[in-house]
Amino acid sequence: MTAPPYAVDAKALAEQVRYWDDVQQVTSADDIDPEAGEIFFEPADGYQLIPVHE
């Protein structure tokens, strides 16, 4: 059986995952250093999976 063209090699993908050692939480826009790198947003109550109904 041939894998579909959109199949993901889970092992290869997992080997590419990296975590930042220097992540800092900011509480104010004044704390953001525009030269420091990336900004990530996370909802205060966490992430949820919401069922999609057709």
Protein backbone atom coordinates (compact mmCIF):
# COMPACT_ATOMS: atom_id res chain seq x y z
CA MET A 1 0.00 0.00 0.00
CA THR A 2 1.33 3.44 -0.95
CA ALA A 3 1.01 6.32 1.51
CA PRO A 4 -1.05 9.28 0.29
CA PRO A 5 0.98 12.31 -0.86
CA TYR A 6 -0.12 14.31 2.18
CA ALA A 7 1.06 11.71 4.72
CA VAL A 8 3.37 13.05 7.40
CA ASP A 9 6.44 11.19 8.58
CA ALA A 10 5.75 11.54 12.31
CA LYS A 11 9.28 10.53 13.35
CA ALA A 12 10.93 13.03 11.00
CA LEU A 13 8.55 15.73 12.19
CA ALA A 14 9.23 14.96 15.86
CA GLU A 15 12.99 15.26 15.24
CA GLN A 16 12.45 18.83 14.03
CA VAL A 17 10.58 20.05 17.13
CA ARG A 18 12.59 22.48 19.22
CA TYR A 19 11.78 24.34 22.44
CA TRP A 20 13.10 27.74 23.36
CA ASP A 21 15.20 27.93 26.54
CA ASP A 22 14.78 31.67 26.92
CA VAL A 23 11.01 32.20 26.71
CA GLN A 24 9.77 35.11 28.80
CA GLN A 25 6.19 35.89 29.75
CA VAL A 26 5.21 39.53 29.37
CA THR A 27 2.26 41.20 31.06
CA SER A 28 2.39 44.57 29.32
CA ALA A 29 3.10 45.82 25.82
CA ASP A 30 5.85 47.90 27.40
CA ASP A 31 7.72 44.66 28.20
CA ILE A 32 7.99 43.65 24.54
CA ASP A 33 11.42 44.04 22.95
CA PRO A 34 10.81 44.33 19.17
CA GLU A 35 14.37 43.15 18.49
CA ALA A 36 14.14 40.05 20.73
CA GLY A 37 12.44 37.67 18.33
CA GLU A 38 9.05 36.00 18.10
CA ILE A 39 5.88 36.70 20.04
CA PHE A 40 3.39 33.94 20.85
CA PHE A 41 -0.13 34.44 22.10
CA GLU A 42 -1.99 32.02 24.35
CA PRO A 43 -5.56 32.37 25.61
CA ALA A 44 -5.78 32.89 29.38
CA ASP A 45 -8.08 29.87 29.77
CA GLY A 46 -5.95 27.60 27.56
CA TYR A 47 -6.65 25.95 24.22
CA GLN A 48 -9.74 23.90 23.46
CA LEU A 49 -10.82 21.62 20.64
CA ILE A 50 -14.28 22.60 19.48
CA PRO A 51 -16.27 20.09 17.40
CA VAL A 52 -17.14 21.27 13.90
CA HIS A 53 -20.70 20.55 12.84
CA GLU A 54 -21.81 20.64 9.24
